[in-house]
């Protein structure tokens, strides 16, 4: 499994985003969003529609980066401030 980890400080709160491929048995990518050490929420994206893609590994890496960056953007926009 591969993935990304990023810490973001937003409005005096420390967020951590962990995004990873859960593997071929699960066929999805998950981002877990932490705030001050506790899990706030998670986001999943399934990649079953890409399983026949001959460049599946590259596609999964692209999806990981896109989802990870989207979650970071949402944190910066204040989407999780109320949690």
C-alpha atoms as a PDB file:
ATOM      1  CA  UNK A   1       0.000   0.000   0.000  1.00  0.00           C
ATOM      2  CA  UNK A   2       1.183   3.486  -0.781  1.00  0.00           C
ATOM      3  CA  UNK A   3       0.017   6.874   0.323  1.00  0.00           C
ATOM      4  CA  UNK A   4       0.548  10.422   1.579  1.00  0.00           C
ATOM      5  CA  UNK A   5       0.701  12.068   5.008  1.00  0.00           C
ATOM      6  CA  UNK A   6       0.457  15.817   5.603  1.00  0.00           C
ATOM      7  CA  UNK A   7       0.076  18.014   8.669  1.00  0.00           C
ATOM      8  CA  UNK A   8      -1.725  21.333   8.239  1.00  0.00           C
ATOM      9  CA  UNK A   9      -2.161  24.122  10.763  1.00  0.00           C
ATOM     10  CA  UNK A  10      -5.432  25.966  10.245  1.00  0.00           C
ATOM     11  CA  UNK A  11      -6.939  28.504  12.664  1.00  0.00           C
ATOM     12  CA  UNK A  12      -4.669  27.347  15.479  1.00  0.00           C
ATOM     13  CA  UNK A  13      -5.712  23.714  15.005  1.00  0.00           C
ATOM     14  CA  UNK A  14      -3.402  20.960  13.816  1.00  0.00           C
ATOM     15  CA  UNK A  15      -4.893  18.655  11.211  1.00  0.00           C
ATOM     16  CA  UNK A  16      -3.311  15.515   9.853  1.00  0.00           C
ATOM     17  CA  UNK A  17      -4.371  13.910   6.579  1.00  0.00           C
ATOM     18  CA  UNK A  18      -3.456  10.324   5.802  1.00  0.00           C
ATOM     19  CA  UNK A  19      -4.394   9.012   2.361  1.00  0.00           C
ATOM     20  CA  UNK A  20      -3.619   5.501   1.205  1.00  0.00           C
ATOM     21  CA  UNK A  21      -4.565   2.738  -1.175  1.00  0.00           C
ATOM     22  CA  UNK A  22      -6.283   0.029   0.846  1.00  0.00           C
ATOM     23  CA  UNK A  23      -5.126  -2.640  -1.600  1.00  0.00           C
ATOM     24  CA  UNK A  24      -6.425  -4.766  -4.414  1.00  0.00           C
ATOM     25  CA  UNK A  25      -8.740  -6.740  -2.154  1.00  0.00           C
ATOM     26  CA  UNK A  26     -10.564  -3.576  -1.110  1.00  0.00           C
ATOM     27  CA  UNK A  27     -10.098  -1.563  -4.342  1.00  0.00           C
ATOM     28  CA  UNK A  28     -10.434   1.863  -2.749  1.00  0.00           C
ATOM     29  CA  UNK A  29      -8.398   4.816  -1.550  1.00  0.00           C
ATOM     30  CA  UNK A  30      -9.119   6.251   1.889  1.00  0.00           C
ATOM     31  CA  UNK A  31      -8.263   9.617   3.410  1.00  0.00           C
ATOM     32  CA  UNK A  32      -8.516   9.900   7.179  1.00  0.00           C
ATOM     33  CA  UNK A  33      -8.697  13.411   8.619  1.00  0.00           C
ATOM     34  CA  UNK A  34      -7.423  13.951  12.168  1.00  0.00           C
ATOM     35  CA  UNK A  35      -7.735  17.110  14.267  1.00  0.00           C
ATOM     36  CA  UNK A  36      -5.584  17.411  17.371  1.00  0.00           C
ATOM     37  CA  UNK A  37      -4.966  13.660  17.308  1.00  0.00           C
ATOM     38  CA  UNK A  38      -8.551  12.429  16.979  1.00  0.00           C
ATOM     39  CA  UNK A  39     -10.275  11.098  13.885  1.00  0.00           C
ATOM     40  CA  UNK A  40     -12.783  13.573  12.464  1.00  0.00           C
ATOM     41  CA  UNK A  41     -13.922  11.734   9.370  1.00  0.00           C
ATOM     42  CA  UNK A  42     -12.769   9.762   6.371  1.00  0.00           C
ATOM     43  CA  UNK A  43     -13.342   9.831   2.630  1.00  0.00           C
ATOM     44  CA  UNK A  44     -13.241   6.877   0.262  1.00  0.00           C
ATOM     45  CA  UNK A  45     -13.002   6.603  -3.474  1.00  0.00           C
ATOM     46  CA  UNK A  46     -13.347   3.241  -5.186  1.00  0.00           C
ATOM     47  CA  UNK A  47     -11.253   2.480  -8.253  1.00  0.00           C
ATOM     48  CA  UNK A  48     -13.036  -0.654  -9.449  1.00  0.00           C
ATOM     49  CA  UNK A  49     -13.811   1.016 -12.791  1.00  0.00           C
ATOM     50  CA  UNK A  50     -10.047   1.223 -13.448  1.00  0.00           C
ATOM     51  CA  UNK A  51      -9.131  -2.402 -12.622  1.00  0.00           C
ATOM     52  CA  UNK A  52      -8.700  -3.332 -16.280  1.00  0.00           C
ATOM     53  CA  UNK A  53      -6.425  -0.318 -16.893  1.00  0.00           C
ATOM     54  CA  UNK A  54      -2.962  -1.528 -17.910  1.00  0.00           C
ATOM     55  CA  UNK A  55      -1.475   1.437 -15.982  1.00  0.00           C
ATOM     56  CA  UNK A  56      -3.484   0.742 -12.823  1.00  0.00           C
ATOM     57  CA  UNK A  57      -0.591   1.514 -10.467  1.00  0.00           C
ATOM     58  CA  UNK A  58      -0.073   4.939 -12.023  1.00  0.00           C
ATOM     59  CA  UNK A  59      -3.818   5.640 -11.957  1.00  0.00           C
ATOM     60  CA  UNK A  60      -4.005   4.738  -8.260  1.00  0.00           C
ATOM     61  CA  UNK A  61      -1.094   7.082  -7.491  1.00  0.00           C
ATOM     62  CA  UNK A  62      -2.867   9.869  -9.401  1.00  0.00           C
ATOM     63  CA  UNK A  63      -6.113   9.254  -7.476  1.00  0.00           C
ATOM     64  CA  UNK A  64      -4.248   9.247  -4.142  1.00  0.00           C
ATOM     65  CA  UNK A  65      -2.632  12.612  -4.905  1.00  0.00           C
ATOM     66  CA  UNK A  66      -5.889  14.144  -6.176  1.00  0.00           C
ATOM     67  CA  UNK A  67      -7.931  13.027  -3.171  1.00  0.00           C
ATOM     68  CA  UNK A  68      -5.200  14.031  -0.708  1.00  0.00           C
ATOM     69  CA  UNK A  69      -4.916  17.500  -2.243  1.00  0.00           C
ATOM     70  CA  UNK A  70      -8.707  17.904  -2.277  1.00  0.00           C
ATOM     71  CA  UNK A  71      -8.903  17.140   1.462  1.00  0.00           C
ATOM     72  CA  UNK A  72      -6.085  19.605   2.208  1.00  0.00           C
ATOM     73  CA  UNK A  73      -7.928  22.262   0.214  1.00  0.00           C
ATOM     74  CA  UNK A  74     -11.142  21.548   2.139  1.00  0.00           C
ATOM     75  CA  UNK A  75      -9.295  21.958   5.448  1.00  0.00           C
ATOM     76  CA  UNK A  76      -7.874  25.298   4.314  1.00  0.00           C
ATOM     77  CA  UNK A  77     -11.368  26.393   3.243  1.00  0.00           C
ATOM     78  CA  UNK A  78     -12.718  25.619   6.732  1.00  0.00           C
ATOM     79  CA  UNK A  79     -14.908  22.624   5.855  1.00  0.00           C
ATOM     80  CA  UNK A  80     -13.952  20.817   9.071  1.00  0.00           C
ATOM     81  CA  UNK A  81     -13.819  23.812  11.441  1.00  0.00           C
ATOM     82  CA  UNK A  82     -17.144  22.896  13.046  1.00  0.00           C
ATOM     83  CA  UNK A  83     -15.977  19.376  14.010  1.00  0.00           C
END
